[in-house]
Amino acid sequence: MASVTHFTIATVAEESPDFRRVLWTGKNTQLVVMTIPPDGEIGEEVHEDIDQILTFVSGVGEAKVGGATKKVAQGDLVVVPAGTKHNFLNTGPNPLVLYTVYGPPEHADGAVHHTKEEADEAEESGQDEPPTES
C-alpha cells in the first residue's frame, strides 16, 4: 500500500533558502520549491516536452511567458505549456518564493541547488538530469 506524501507546501517553500529544491519526483510529475533573490530570475528557458505550473507563495515579480509579461504575487498561478519560452523575475525587495510542478520531471530526483549559478552549473555538466525509466 502506498503511503501518503504530505507537504504544508507554503511553509516548506518559505523555509527553503535554496534557489531550487526538488521535494518529490514521480513517474509523470515533479514537485520543486524555488526561492529567487531580489533582482534575481529563473533565467529564460524553454522546456520542449515539459508542462510547468508555478504557484507563488510570497514576494512579487514578473512572469514572462510566450512573449507576454504579467505581474505575479502571493496566490498567483502561472501555466507554462511545453515548448513555450519563459522567465520569472523577482521585482521586489524580498525573495520571490514559489513551488512548481513539472510534467514530466525536469530535474534530478532530490536535487538541491543553493544558487542559480550552482543550478546552471549542474544543468550544464549533466548532473541535473531527470530520472529515466529503464
N, C-alpha and C. Protein backbone atom coordinates (compact mmCIF):
# COMPACT_ATOMS: atom_id res chain seq x y z
N MET A 1 0.85 -1.17 0.00
CA MET A 1 0.00 0.00 0.00
C MET A 1 0.90 1.24 0.00
N ALA A 2 0.54 2.22 -0.82
CA ALA A 2 1.31 3.46 -0.91
C ALA A 2 1.05 4.33 0.31
N SER A 3 2.09 4.98 0.77
CA SER A 3 1.93 5.91 1.88
C SER A 3 1.54 7.29 1.35
N VAL A 4 1.06 8.13 2.21
CA VAL A 4 0.67 9.49 1.84
C VAL A 4 1.89 10.40 1.94
N THR A 5 2.19 11.08 0.85
CA THR A 5 3.26 12.09 0.87
C THR A 5 2.56 13.42 1.08
N HIS A 6 2.93 14.11 2.15
CA HIS A 6 2.21 15.34 2.53
C HIS A 6 3.20 16.46 2.77
N PHE A 7 2.89 17.64 2.23
CA PHE A 7 3.68 18.84 2.48
C PHE A 7 2.74 19.97 2.85
N THR A 8 3.09 20.76 3.84
CA THR A 8 2.44 22.05 4.04
C THR A 8 3.24 22.98 3.14
N ILE A 9 2.84 23.01 1.87
CA ILE A 9 3.70 23.49 0.80
C ILE A 9 4.12 24.95 0.96
N ALA A 10 3.23 25.82 1.39
CA ALA A 10 3.62 27.23 1.55
C ALA A 10 4.70 27.35 2.62
N THR A 11 4.57 26.60 3.69
CA THR A 11 5.57 26.64 4.77
C THR A 11 6.89 26.05 4.30
N VAL A 12 6.84 24.91 3.63
CA VAL A 12 8.06 24.29 3.13
C VAL A 12 8.77 25.24 2.17
N ALA A 13 8.01 25.85 1.26
CA ALA A 13 8.61 26.79 0.30
C ALA A 13 9.23 27.99 1.01
N GLU A 14 8.50 28.56 1.96
CA GLU A 14 9.00 29.74 2.69
C GLU A 14 10.26 29.44 3.48
N GLU A 15 10.37 28.21 3.98
CA GLU A 15 11.51 27.85 4.83
C GLU A 15 12.74 27.43 4.03
N SER A 16 12.59 27.24 2.73
CA SER A 16 13.73 26.82 1.92
C SER A 16 14.51 28.03 1.43
N PRO A 17 15.77 28.15 1.80
CA PRO A 17 16.59 29.27 1.33
C PRO A 17 17.19 29.00 -0.05
N ASP A 18 17.00 27.79 -0.57
CA ASP A 18 17.68 27.37 -1.79
C ASP A 18 16.99 27.91 -3.04
N PHE A 19 17.80 28.18 -4.06
CA PHE A 19 17.27 28.60 -5.35
C PHE A 19 16.30 27.54 -5.87
N ARG A 20 16.71 26.27 -5.80
CA ARG A 20 15.84 25.19 -6.27
C ARG A 20 16.05 23.95 -5.41
N ARG A 21 14.94 23.35 -4.98
CA ARG A 21 14.98 22.12 -4.18
C ARG A 21 13.87 21.19 -4.67
N VAL A 22 14.25 20.01 -5.15
CA VAL A 22 13.29 19.02 -5.60
C VAL A 22 12.73 18.31 -4.36
N LEU A 23 11.41 18.42 -4.16
CA LEU A 23 10.78 17.79 -2.99
C LEU A 23 10.30 16.38 -3.27
N TRP A 24 9.82 16.15 -4.49
CA TRP A 24 9.24 14.84 -4.80
C TRP A 24 9.29 14.62 -6.31
N THR A 25 9.62 13.39 -6.69
CA THR A 25 9.66 13.03 -8.09
C THR A 25 8.87 11.76 -8.30
N GLY A 26 7.90 11.83 -9.19
CA GLY A 26 7.11 10.66 -9.56
C GLY A 26 7.42 10.27 -11.00
N LYS A 27 6.68 9.30 -11.49
CA LYS A 27 6.88 8.83 -12.86
C LYS A 27 6.50 9.92 -13.87
N ASN A 28 5.44 10.69 -13.59
CA ASN A 28 4.91 11.66 -14.55
C ASN A 28 5.03 13.12 -14.13
N THR A 29 5.30 13.38 -12.86
CA THR A 29 5.38 14.76 -12.39
C THR A 29 6.49 14.92 -11.36
N GLN A 30 6.80 16.20 -11.08
CA GLN A 30 7.84 16.51 -10.10
C GLN A 30 7.46 17.80 -9.38
N LEU A 31 7.65 17.83 -8.06
CA LEU A 31 7.36 18.99 -7.23
C LEU A 31 8.66 19.63 -6.77
N VAL A 32 8.79 20.94 -7.04
CA VAL A 32 10.02 21.68 -6.76
C VAL A 32 9.66 23.00 -6.09
N VAL A 33 10.43 23.40 -5.07
CA VAL A 33 10.28 24.75 -4.49
C VAL A 33 11.46 25.58 -4.94
N MET A 34 11.21 26.89 -5.12
CA MET A 34 12.25 27.80 -5.56
C MET A 34 12.19 29.09 -4.77
N THR A 35 13.34 29.68 -4.53
CA THR A 35 13.46 30.98 -3.90
C THR A 35 14.36 31.84 -4.78
N ILE A 36 13.77 32.89 -5.36
CA ILE A 36 14.50 33.77 -6.25
C ILE A 36 14.84 35.04 -5.46
N PRO A 37 16.12 35.35 -5.31
CA PRO A 37 16.50 36.53 -4.51
C PRO A 37 16.09 37.83 -5.19
N PRO A 38 16.04 38.94 -4.43
CA PRO A 38 15.75 40.24 -5.03
C PRO A 38 16.67 40.51 -6.23
N ASP A 39 16.09 41.04 -7.29
CA ASP A 39 16.78 41.31 -8.55
C ASP A 39 17.24 40.05 -9.28
N GLY A 40 16.80 38.87 -8.81
CA GLY A 40 17.17 37.61 -9.45
C GLY A 40 16.11 37.16 -10.44
N GLU A 41 16.42 36.07 -11.11
CA GLU A 41 15.49 35.49 -12.08
C GLU A 41 15.75 34.00 -12.21
N ILE A 42 14.77 33.30 -12.78
CA ILE A 42 14.97 31.88 -13.08
C ILE A 42 15.89 31.75 -14.28
N GLY A 43 15.73 32.65 -15.24
CA GLY A 43 16.51 32.60 -16.47
C GLY A 43 15.64 32.13 -17.63
N GLU A 44 15.74 32.81 -18.74
CA GLU A 44 14.91 32.47 -19.89
C GLU A 44 15.22 31.05 -20.36
N GLU A 45 14.15 30.28 -20.58
CA GLU A 45 14.32 28.89 -20.98
C GLU A 45 13.07 28.38 -21.69
N VAL A 46 13.22 27.23 -22.31
CA VAL A 46 12.12 26.52 -22.96
C VAL A 46 12.25 25.05 -22.58
N HIS A 47 11.17 24.47 -22.09
CA HIS A 47 11.12 23.02 -21.84
C HIS A 47 10.30 22.43 -22.98
N GLU A 48 10.97 21.83 -23.95
CA GLU A 48 10.31 21.38 -25.17
C GLU A 48 9.16 20.40 -24.93
N ASP A 49 9.34 19.45 -24.01
CA ASP A 49 8.34 18.40 -23.81
C ASP A 49 7.79 18.37 -22.39
N ILE A 50 7.90 19.49 -21.68
CA ILE A 50 7.51 19.52 -20.28
C ILE A 50 6.56 20.68 -20.02
N ASP A 51 5.39 20.39 -19.46
CA ASP A 51 4.49 21.43 -18.98
C ASP A 51 4.94 21.82 -17.58
N GLN A 52 4.67 23.08 -17.21
CA GLN A 52 5.07 23.56 -15.89
C GLN A 52 3.96 24.43 -15.33
N ILE A 53 3.66 24.23 -14.04
CA ILE A 53 2.69 25.04 -13.33
C ILE A 53 3.40 25.63 -12.12
N LEU A 54 3.38 26.97 -12.00
CA LEU A 54 4.06 27.65 -10.91
C LEU A 54 3.04 28.36 -10.03
N THR A 55 3.15 28.20 -8.72
CA THR A 55 2.29 28.87 -7.76
C THR A 55 3.18 29.70 -6.84
N PHE A 56 2.82 30.99 -6.69
CA PHE A 56 3.65 31.93 -5.95
C PHE A 56 3.18 32.03 -4.50
N VAL A 57 4.13 31.87 -3.58
CA VAL A 57 3.85 31.82 -2.15
C VAL A 57 4.06 33.18 -1.49
N SER A 58 5.12 33.89 -1.90
CA SER A 58 5.38 35.22 -1.34
C SER A 58 6.31 35.99 -2.27
N GLY A 59 6.34 37.30 -2.06
CA GLY A 59 7.15 38.17 -2.90
C GLY A 59 6.36 38.66 -4.10
N VAL A 60 7.01 39.46 -4.93
CA VAL A 60 6.39 39.99 -6.15
C VAL A 60 7.38 39.85 -7.30
N GLY A 61 6.84 39.69 -8.50
CA GLY A 61 7.71 39.53 -9.64
C GLY A 61 6.99 39.69 -10.95
N GLU A 62 7.66 39.27 -12.00
CA GLU A 62 7.10 39.29 -13.34
C GLU A 62 7.22 37.90 -13.95
N ALA A 63 6.14 37.49 -14.61
CA ALA A 63 6.13 36.27 -15.39
C ALA A 63 6.21 36.66 -16.85
N LYS A 64 7.21 36.17 -17.54
CA LYS A 64 7.33 36.39 -18.98
C LYS A 64 7.13 35.04 -19.65
N VAL A 65 5.98 34.89 -20.30
CA VAL A 65 5.60 33.61 -20.89
C VAL A 65 5.10 33.84 -22.31
N GLY A 66 5.78 33.22 -23.26
CA GLY A 66 5.34 33.29 -24.64
C GLY A 66 5.22 34.70 -25.20
N GLY A 67 6.09 35.61 -24.75
CA GLY A 67 6.09 36.97 -25.24
C GLY A 67 5.21 37.94 -24.46
N ALA A 68 4.41 37.44 -23.52
CA ALA A 68 3.57 38.30 -22.68
C ALA A 68 4.21 38.44 -21.29
N THR A 69 3.99 39.59 -20.65
CA THR A 69 4.51 39.83 -19.31
C THR A 69 3.35 40.18 -18.38
N LYS A 70 3.31 39.51 -17.23
CA LYS A 70 2.28 39.76 -16.21
C LYS A 70 2.97 39.86 -14.86
N LYS A 71 2.43 40.71 -13.99
CA LYS A 71 2.92 40.77 -12.62
C LYS A 71 2.40 39.55 -11.87
N VAL A 72 3.22 39.05 -10.93
CA VAL A 72 2.83 37.93 -10.09
C VAL A 72 3.08 38.27 -8.63
N ALA A 73 2.26 37.68 -7.76
CA ALA A 73 2.37 37.89 -6.32
C ALA A 73 1.78 36.67 -5.62
N GLN A 74 1.81 36.70 -4.30
CA GLN A 74 1.29 35.60 -3.49
C GLN A 74 -0.09 35.17 -3.96
N GLY A 75 -0.26 33.86 -4.14
CA GLY A 75 -1.54 33.29 -4.53
C GLY A 75 -1.73 33.15 -6.03
N ASP A 76 -0.85 33.75 -6.83
CA ASP A 76 -0.97 33.64 -8.29
C ASP A 76 -0.44 32.30 -8.76
N LEU A 77 -0.99 31.83 -9.88
CA LEU A 77 -0.57 30.59 -10.51
C LEU A 77 -0.37 30.88 -12.00
N VAL A 78 0.73 30.39 -12.55
CA VAL A 78 1.04 30.59 -13.97
C VAL A 78 1.30 29.23 -14.60
N VAL A 79 0.70 29.02 -15.76
CA VAL A 79 0.90 27.79 -16.52
C VAL A 79 1.84 28.08 -17.69
N VAL A 80 2.84 27.22 -17.85
CA VAL A 80 3.77 27.32 -18.98
C VAL A 80 3.66 26.02 -19.78
N PRO A 81 2.96 26.07 -20.92
CA PRO A 81 2.86 24.87 -21.76
C PRO A 81 4.21 24.47 -22.33
N ALA A 82 4.39 23.18 -22.57
CA ALA A 82 5.62 22.68 -23.18
C ALA A 82 5.93 23.47 -24.45
N GLY A 83 7.21 23.77 -24.65
CA GLY A 83 7.66 24.46 -25.85
C GLY A 83 7.54 25.97 -25.80
N THR A 84 7.15 26.53 -24.65
CA THR A 84 6.94 27.98 -24.53
C THR A 84 8.13 28.64 -23.84
N LYS A 85 8.68 29.68 -24.46
CA LYS A 85 9.78 30.44 -23.84
C LYS A 85 9.24 31.17 -22.62
N HIS A 86 9.99 31.12 -21.52
CA HIS A 86 9.52 31.76 -20.28
C HIS A 86 10.69 32.18 -19.39
N ASN A 87 10.37 33.09 -18.49
CA ASN A 87 11.30 33.54 -17.45
C ASN A 87 10.46 34.14 -16.33
N PHE A 88 10.97 34.07 -15.11
CA PHE A 88 10.31 34.65 -13.95
C PHE A 88 11.34 35.48 -13.21
N LEU A 89 11.00 36.74 -12.95
CA LEU A 89 11.93 37.68 -12.34
C LEU A 89 11.38 38.20 -11.02
N ASN A 90 12.26 38.37 -10.05
CA ASN A 90 11.89 38.99 -8.79
C ASN A 90 12.04 40.50 -8.94
N THR A 91 10.95 41.23 -8.78
CA THR A 91 10.98 42.69 -8.91
C THR A 91 10.83 43.39 -7.57
N GLY A 92 10.79 42.64 -6.49
CA GLY A 92 10.57 43.23 -5.18
C GLY A 92 11.79 43.20 -4.29
N PRO A 93 11.66 43.72 -3.07
CA PRO A 93 12.78 43.79 -2.14
C PRO A 93 13.00 42.50 -1.34
N ASN A 94 12.05 41.58 -1.41
CA ASN A 94 12.13 40.32 -0.66
C ASN A 94 12.22 39.14 -1.63
N PRO A 95 12.61 37.96 -1.15
CA PRO A 95 12.66 36.81 -2.04
C PRO A 95 11.29 36.52 -2.69
N LEU A 96 11.33 36.05 -3.92
CA LEU A 96 10.13 35.57 -4.62
C LEU A 96 10.12 34.06 -4.43
N VAL A 97 9.13 33.56 -3.69
CA VAL A 97 9.08 32.16 -3.30
C VAL A 97 7.92 31.49 -4.04
N LEU A 98 8.20 30.31 -4.58
CA LEU A 98 7.18 29.60 -5.35
C LEU A 98 7.39 28.10 -5.26
N TYR A 99 6.34 27.38 -5.65
CA TYR A 99 6.52 25.96 -5.91
C TYR A 99 6.02 25.69 -7.31
N THR A 100 6.61 24.69 -7.94
CA THR A 100 6.29 24.39 -9.32
C THR A 100 6.16 22.89 -9.51
N VAL A 101 5.27 22.53 -10.41
CA VAL A 101 5.07 21.14 -10.78
C VAL A 101 5.46 21.00 -12.24
N TYR A 102 6.37 20.08 -12.52
CA TYR A 102 6.78 19.76 -13.88
C TYR A 102 6.13 18.44 -14.29
N GLY A 103 5.71 18.35 -15.52
CA GLY A 103 5.18 17.09 -16.03
C GLY A 103 5.65 16.87 -17.45
N PRO A 104 6.51 15.91 -17.67
CA PRO A 104 7.18 15.00 -16.74
C PRO A 104 8.31 15.70 -15.97
N PRO A 105 8.98 14.98 -15.07
CA PRO A 105 10.06 15.59 -14.28
C PRO A 105 11.13 16.27 -15.14
N GLU A 106 11.70 17.35 -14.61
CA GLU A 106 12.71 18.14 -15.31
C GLU A 106 14.08 18.04 -14.65
N HIS A 107 14.13 17.77 -13.34
CA HIS A 107 15.40 17.82 -12.61
C HIS A 107 15.72 16.48 -11.97
N ALA A 108 16.96 16.33 -11.54
CA ALA A 108 17.39 15.12 -10.85
C ALA A 108 16.60 14.96 -9.55
N ASP A 109 16.19 13.74 -9.26
CA ASP A 109 15.45 13.45 -8.03
C ASP A 109 16.29 13.87 -6.82
N GLY A 110 15.70 14.66 -5.93
CA GLY A 110 16.39 15.09 -4.72
C GLY A 110 17.39 16.22 -4.90
N ALA A 111 17.46 16.79 -6.09
CA ALA A 111 18.44 17.85 -6.35
C ALA A 111 18.19 19.06 -5.45
N VAL A 112 19.28 19.63 -4.96
CA VAL A 112 19.26 20.86 -4.19
C VAL A 112 20.33 21.77 -4.77
N HIS A 113 19.90 22.95 -5.23
CA HIS A 113 20.84 23.94 -5.77
C HIS A 113 20.67 25.21 -4.95
N HIS A 114 21.72 25.57 -4.23
CA HIS A 114 21.65 26.71 -3.31
C HIS A 114 21.53 28.05 -4.05
N THR A 115 22.12 28.15 -5.24
CA THR A 115 22.10 29.39 -6.00
C THR A 115 21.77 29.10 -7.46
N LYS A 116 21.41 30.14 -8.21
CA LYS A 116 21.16 29.98 -9.64
C LYS A 116 22.43 29.52 -10.34
N GLU A 117 23.56 30.06 -9.93
CA GLU A 117 24.83 29.68 -10.55
C GLU A 117 25.10 28.18 -10.35
N GLU A 118 24.83 27.69 -9.16
CA GLU A 118 25.01 26.27 -8.88
C GLU A 118 24.04 25.44 -9.73
N ALA A 119 22.80 25.91 -9.87
CA ALA A 119 21.81 25.21 -10.69
C ALA A 119 22.24 25.18 -12.15
N ASP A 120 22.69 26.32 -12.67
CA ASP A 120 23.14 26.39 -14.06
C ASP A 120 24.32 25.45 -14.31
N GLU A 121 25.26 25.43 -13.37
CA GLU A 121 26.43 24.56 -13.49
C GLU A 121 26.03 23.09 -13.51
N ALA A 122 25.08 22.72 -12.64
CA ALA A 122 24.62 21.33 -12.59
C ALA A 122 23.93 20.93 -13.89
N GLU A 123 23.16 21.84 -14.46
CA GLU A 123 22.49 21.56 -15.74
C GLU A 123 23.52 21.41 -16.86
N GLU A 124 24.47 22.34 -16.92
CA GLU A 124 25.47 22.33 -17.99
C GLU A 124 26.37 21.10 -17.92
N SER A 125 26.65 20.61 -16.72
CA SER A 125 27.55 19.47 -16.56
C SER A 125 26.82 18.12 -16.68
N GLY A 126 25.49 18.17 -16.81
CA GLY A 126 24.72 16.94 -16.91
C GLY A 126 24.39 16.29 -15.59
N GLN A 127 24.66 16.97 -14.48
CA GLN A 127 24.38 16.42 -13.14
C GLN A 127 22.94 16.63 -12.72
N ASP A 128 22.17 17.39 -13.50
CA ASP A 128 20.78 17.69 -13.12
C ASP A 128 19.82 17.11 -14.15
N GLU A 129 20.00 15.84 -14.47
CA GLU A 129 19.13 15.18 -15.43
C GLU A 129 18.00 14.46 -14.69
N PRO A 130 16.77 14.54 -15.23
CA PRO A 130 15.67 13.84 -14.59
C PRO A 130 15.86 12.33 -14.68
N PRO A 131 15.22 11.60 -13.77
CA PRO A 131 15.33 10.13 -13.83
C PRO A 131 14.70 9.62 -15.13
N THR A 132 15.23 8.53 -15.60
CA THR A 132 14.66 7.89 -16.80
C THR A 132 14.22 6.49 -16.44
N GLU A 133 13.21 6.05 -17.14
CA GLU A 133 12.75 4.67 -16.91
C GLU A 133 13.68 3.73 -17.63
N SER A 134 13.98 2.61 -16.97
CA SER A 134 14.84 1.64 -17.63
C SER A 134 14.05 0.52 -18.25
